[in-house]
Protein backbone atom coordinates (compact mmCIF):
# COMPACT_ATOMS: atom_id res chain seq x y z
CA UNK A 1 80.98 86.60 100.06
CA UNK A 2 84.06 88.13 98.45
CA UNK A 3 87.75 87.78 99.25
CA UNK A 4 89.89 90.79 100.01
CA UNK A 5 93.45 91.36 101.16
CA UNK A 6 94.96 94.02 103.39
CA UNK A 7 97.43 95.73 101.05
CA UNK A 8 99.93 96.38 103.84
CA UNK A 9 100.07 92.67 104.65
CA UNK A 10 102.24 92.08 101.58
CA UNK A 11 104.86 94.54 102.88
CA UNK A 12 105.46 95.56 99.27
CA UNK A 13 104.12 99.13 99.12
CA UNK A 14 100.86 100.18 97.50
CA UNK A 15 101.73 99.28 93.91
CA UNK A 16 103.33 95.98 94.89
CA UNK A 17 100.48 95.07 97.21
CA UNK A 18 97.81 95.81 94.62
CA UNK A 19 99.67 93.79 91.99
CA UNK A 20 100.10 90.84 94.36
CA UNK A 21 96.44 90.91 95.41
CA UNK A 22 95.37 90.84 91.77
CA UNK A 23 97.77 88.02 90.91
CA UNK A 24 96.46 85.91 93.79
CA UNK A 25 92.85 86.28 92.69
CA UNK A 26 91.45 88.62 95.33
CA UNK A 27 88.26 90.53 94.56
CA UNK A 28 89.29 93.63 96.47
CA UNK A 29 91.59 95.19 99.04
CA UNK A 30 91.66 97.18 102.24
CA UNK A 31 94.33 99.81 102.79
CA UNK A 32 95.28 102.19 105.57
CA UNK A 33 94.60 105.91 105.46
CA UNK A 34 96.22 108.63 107.54
CA UNK A 35 93.46 111.15 108.07
CA UNK A 36 96.06 113.66 106.89
CA UNK A 37 96.35 113.02 103.15
CA UNK A 38 96.49 115.83 100.59
CA UNK A 39 94.22 115.91 97.55
CA UNK A 40 97.14 115.00 95.30
CA UNK A 41 98.08 112.04 97.50
CA UNK A 42 94.50 110.76 97.43
CA UNK A 43 94.34 111.21 93.66
CA UNK A 44 97.49 109.11 93.22
CA UNK A 45 96.14 106.33 95.45
CA UNK A 46 92.79 106.41 93.62
CA UNK A 47 94.56 106.21 90.27
CA UNK A 48 96.49 103.11 91.32
CA UNK A 49 93.33 101.50 92.69
CA UNK A 50 91.46 102.18 89.46
CA UNK A 51 94.33 100.81 87.37
CA UNK A 52 94.38 97.61 89.44
CA UNK A 53 90.74 96.82 88.75
CA UNK A 54 90.30 95.80 92.38
CA UNK A 55 87.43 96.99 94.54
CA UNK A 56 88.25 98.95 97.69
CA UNK A 57 86.47 96.97 100.40
CA UNK A 58 87.30 99.32 103.29
CA UNK A 59 89.99 101.54 104.70
CA UNK A 60 91.72 101.18 108.06
CA UNK A 61 92.13 104.29 110.21
CA UNK A 62 94.19 103.10 113.16
CA UNK A 63 96.33 105.90 114.55
CA UNK A 64 98.00 104.05 117.42
CA UNK A 65 97.88 105.04 121.05
CA UNK A 66 94.80 104.41 123.15
CA UNK A 67 92.00 104.56 120.61
CA UNK A 68 89.30 106.78 122.11
CA UNK A 69 89.94 105.95 125.77
CA UNK A 70 91.63 109.23 126.75
CA UNK A 71 89.27 112.20 126.87
CA UNK A 72 91.95 114.86 126.37
CA UNK A 73 93.19 113.16 123.20
CA UNK A 74 89.78 112.59 121.65
CA UNK A 75 89.02 115.98 120.04
CA UNK A 76 92.08 115.72 117.78
CA UNK A 77 91.54 111.99 117.16
CA UNK A 78 87.89 112.54 116.28
CA UNK A 79 88.74 115.26 113.76
CA UNK A 80 91.43 113.09 112.20
CA UNK A 81 89.00 110.16 112.04
CA UNK A 82 86.40 112.35 110.33
CA UNK A 83 89.05 113.20 107.75
CA UNK A 84 89.61 109.45 107.33
CA UNK A 85 85.92 109.06 106.50
CA UNK A 86 86.32 111.76 103.85
CA UNK A 87 89.40 109.98 102.49
CA UNK A 88 87.54 106.67 102.33
CA UNK A 89 84.74 108.20 100.29
CA UNK A 90 87.21 109.92 97.97
CA UNK A 91 88.91 106.58 97.35
CA UNK A 92 85.68 104.70 96.66
CA UNK A 93 84.53 102.97 99.85
CA UNK A 94 82.15 103.90 102.64
CA UNK A 95 83.63 101.64 105.35
CA UNK A 96 86.25 102.87 107.83
CA UNK A 97 87.58 100.35 110.36
CA UNK A 98 89.50 101.05 113.55
CA UNK A 99 90.27 99.89 117.07
CA UNK A 100 88.56 102.12 119.63
CA UNK A 101 90.22 100.79 122.80
CA UNK A 102 88.85 98.53 125.53
CA UNK A 103 85.18 98.89 126.45
CA UNK A 104 84.84 98.59 130.26
CA UNK A 105 82.45 96.00 131.67
CA UNK A 106 81.31 98.62 134.18
CA UNK A 107 79.04 101.07 132.36
CA UNK A 108 79.51 103.58 135.16
CA UNK A 109 83.27 103.72 134.53
CA UNK A 110 84.30 107.18 133.24
CA UNK A 111 86.05 105.60 130.25
CA UNK A 112 82.79 104.01 129.07
CA UNK A 113 81.17 107.42 128.64
CA UNK A 114 84.30 108.90 127.06
CA UNK A 115 84.44 106.14 124.44
CA UNK A 116 80.70 106.18 123.78
CA UNK A 117 80.66 109.93 123.20
CA UNK A 118 83.56 109.70 120.75
CA UNK A 119 81.96 106.83 118.84
CA UNK A 120 78.62 108.65 118.74
CA UNK A 121 80.23 111.72 117.18
CA UNK A 122 81.98 109.61 114.57
CA UNK A 123 78.88 107.53 113.87
CA UNK A 124 76.81 110.66 113.30
CA UNK A 125 79.45 112.07 110.98
CA UNK A 126 79.71 108.80 109.06
CA UNK A 127 75.93 108.54 108.78
CA UNK A 128 75.67 112.08 107.42
CA UNK A 129 78.13 111.10 104.69
CA UNK A 130 76.53 107.74 103.91
CA UNK A 131 79.43 105.86 105.48
CA UNK A 132 80.15 103.42 108.32
CA UNK A 133 82.54 103.86 111.23
CA UNK A 134 83.30 100.20 112.01
CA UNK A 135 84.66 99.09 115.39
CA UNK A 136 87.11 96.20 115.10
CA UNK A 137 86.49 93.29 117.45
CA UNK A 138 89.12 92.08 119.90
CA UNK A 139 89.26 93.42 123.47
CA UNK A 140 85.72 92.44 124.47
CA UNK A 141 83.39 89.55 123.72
CA UNK A 142 80.56 89.99 121.25
CA UNK A 143 77.71 90.62 123.73
CA UNK A 144 79.63 93.39 125.53
CA UNK A 145 80.43 95.19 122.28
CA UNK A 146 76.80 94.79 121.18
CA UNK A 147 75.61 96.33 124.45
CA UNK A 148 78.01 99.26 123.95
CA UNK A 149 76.71 99.85 120.43
CA UNK A 150 73.10 99.60 121.60
CA UNK A 151 73.78 102.22 124.28
CA UNK A 152 75.00 104.64 121.61
CA UNK A 153 71.70 104.03 119.79
CA UNK A 154 72.53 105.24 116.29
CA UNK A 155 70.41 103.62 113.58
CA UNK A 156 73.11 103.89 110.91
CA UNK A 157 76.72 104.98 110.79
CA UNK A 158 78.16 102.73 113.51
CA UNK A 159 79.20 99.24 112.44
CA UNK A 160 81.53 96.36 113.25
CA UNK A 161 84.64 95.06 111.56
CA UNK A 162 84.52 91.44 112.69
CA UNK A 163 87.98 89.95 113.27
CA UNK A 164 87.54 86.37 114.54
CA UNK A 165 91.22 85.85 115.32
CA UNK A 166 91.33 88.78 117.73
CA UNK A 167 88.39 87.29 119.61
CA UNK A 168 89.90 83.82 119.97
CA UNK A 169 93.42 85.09 120.70
CA UNK A 170 92.53 87.66 123.35
CA UNK A 171 89.19 86.81 125.00
CA UNK A 172 88.57 83.19 123.92
CA UNK A 173 85.18 84.14 122.52
CA UNK A 174 82.78 81.68 120.90
CA UNK A 175 82.86 82.91 117.31
CA UNK A 176 79.39 81.85 116.06
CA UNK A 177 77.83 83.33 119.20
CA UNK A 178 79.73 86.58 118.71
CA UNK A 179 78.51 86.76 115.12
CA UNK A 180 74.93 86.28 116.30
CA UNK A 181 75.34 89.08 118.85
CA UNK A 182 76.90 91.54 116.41
CA UNK A 183 75.27 90.40 113.17
CA UNK A 184 73.14 93.47 112.37
CA UNK A 185 76.19 95.71 112.63
CA UNK A 186 78.82 93.71 110.71
CA UNK A 187 79.85 95.70 107.63
CA UNK A 188 83.31 94.20 107.02
CA UNK A 189 85.40 91.31 108.29
CA UNK A 190 89.04 90.34 108.60
CA UNK A 191 90.14 86.83 107.67
CA UNK A 192 92.81 85.98 110.20
CA UNK A 193 93.54 83.02 112.48
CA UNK A 194 95.27 82.51 115.79
CA UNK A 195 95.49 80.81 119.15
CA UNK A 196 95.25 81.87 122.76
CA UNK A 197 98.12 80.46 124.83
CA UNK A 198 97.07 81.60 128.29
CA UNK A 199 94.42 83.71 129.99
CA UNK A 200 94.93 87.36 129.14
CA UNK A 201 93.80 90.70 130.49
CA UNK A 202 92.61 92.71 127.45
CA UNK A 203 93.16 95.91 129.42
CA UNK A 204 96.89 95.12 129.51
CA UNK A 205 97.13 93.70 125.99
CA UNK A 206 95.48 96.75 124.42
CA UNK A 207 97.21 99.28 126.66
CA UNK A 208 94.23 100.48 128.68
CA UNK A 209 96.28 100.00 131.84
CA UNK A 210 100.06 99.79 132.32
CA UNK A 211 101.68 96.43 131.77
CA UNK A 212 102.69 94.95 135.16
CA UNK A 213 106.41 94.88 135.83
CA UNK A 214 107.96 91.70 134.51
CA UNK A 215 104.99 90.88 132.25
CA UNK A 216 104.96 90.94 128.45
CA UNK A 217 102.15 92.94 126.86
CA UNK A 218 102.16 91.06 123.56
CA UNK A 219 102.66 87.51 124.81
CA UNK A 220 100.04 84.87 125.44
CA UNK A 221 98.67 84.59 121.93
CA UNK A 222 99.86 83.83 118.42
CA UNK A 223 98.69 84.62 114.92
CA UNK A 224 98.92 81.66 112.52
CA UNK A 225 98.03 81.01 108.86
CA UNK A 226 94.34 80.55 108.04
CA UNK A 227 93.05 77.13 108.99
CA UNK A 228 95.86 76.43 111.47
CA UNK A 229 94.38 78.20 114.49
CA UNK A 230 91.32 78.19 116.71
CA UNK A 231 88.86 79.99 114.45
CA UNK A 232 86.13 77.46 113.51
CA UNK A 233 85.92 78.49 109.87
CA UNK A 234 82.98 76.42 108.59
CA UNK A 235 80.88 77.35 111.61
CA UNK A 236 81.99 80.98 111.39
CA UNK A 237 81.05 81.35 107.73
CA UNK A 238 77.74 79.62 108.37
CA UNK A 239 77.02 82.11 111.15
CA UNK A 240 77.84 85.03 108.84
CA UNK A 241 75.39 83.65 106.29
CA UNK A 242 72.69 83.25 108.94
CA UNK A 243 72.90 86.92 109.90
CA UNK A 244 72.80 87.95 106.24
CA UNK A 245 76.40 89.04 105.79
CA UNK A 246 77.57 88.78 102.18
CA UNK A 247 80.48 91.20 102.12
CA UNK A 248 84.25 90.91 102.27
CA UNK A 249 86.47 88.42 104.04
CA UNK A 250 89.64 90.52 104.01
CA UNK A 251 92.83 88.58 104.67
CA UNK A 252 95.13 90.24 107.18
CA UNK A 253 98.57 88.76 107.85
CA UNK A 254 100.59 90.69 110.44
CA UNK A 255 103.42 88.21 111.10
CA UNK A 256 105.42 85.56 109.23
CA UNK A 257 108.53 85.61 107.06
CA UNK A 258 106.73 85.07 103.75
CA UNK A 259 103.42 86.96 103.81
CA UNK A 260 102.72 86.47 100.10
CA UNK A 261 102.90 82.69 100.44
CA UNK A 262 100.66 82.79 103.51
CA UNK A 263 98.16 85.04 101.74
CA UNK A 264 98.16 82.80 98.66
CA UNK A 265 97.27 79.83 100.87
CA UNK A 266 94.62 81.94 102.63
CA UNK A 267 92.95 82.87 99.34
CA UNK A 268 92.81 79.21 98.33
CA UNK A 269 91.56 78.22 101.79
CA UNK A 270 88.69 80.70 101.64
CA UNK A 271 87.78 79.89 98.05
CA UNK A 272 87.57 76.21 98.92
CA UNK A 273 85.33 76.95 101.91
CA UNK A 274 83.05 79.28 99.96
CA UNK A 275 82.67 76.70 97.17
CA UNK A 276 81.20 74.09 99.51
């Protein structure tokens, strides 16, 4: 497996993030795309990537809001996401990661069909281009997401961006079991750690339903440096190996006062684990 870093995690701009990732010994990076870039903007990003010598592991195409949970919003979001696939390929990767919203447990719920239809359209588009539209884990446990993907029934084009921290922070999932459930579809991973502090409702946390009055949407969990949280790293990496995953572990650090220091420790932490 290879070690990547989310460029935006450095909070130093594209050039600064690429330079920092290289200095810390990463093999590659992930960066965010807008689905609205001009050819000249893409050319400038590609030039900086090429100059860095780092591989582009994946791009992130999160556009905020409700993912693909709202039918009226989906036509525009789908077209923008298709453009993100085009941007990814122009920049040198065939993996696009995003949050899609919260998959309902009830398959008869209207939102289930709305989300499945959106993901099917994007999976077909990605497949036609030789790319992967990768759903990031978080709001649902591994078996539920696997069932959702199976219902869409696309042989290629629809994948998973496995983020173990989201699963332990939000739904208290068993990470090795989730890897086993999603293994055939994992095309990219995030290296992040965290803790769950109380039982959460993913529908509230991810904005599928309004936050109850007096409650805090983003409380009840915490992101922490790699190795300091609830992700069972040796067991997790062993599970990835069992399902045949040999791609990127891309460090994502969304909090903290000194992200570079945290990322430097994360690179060392992962290198030590991979060397065992």
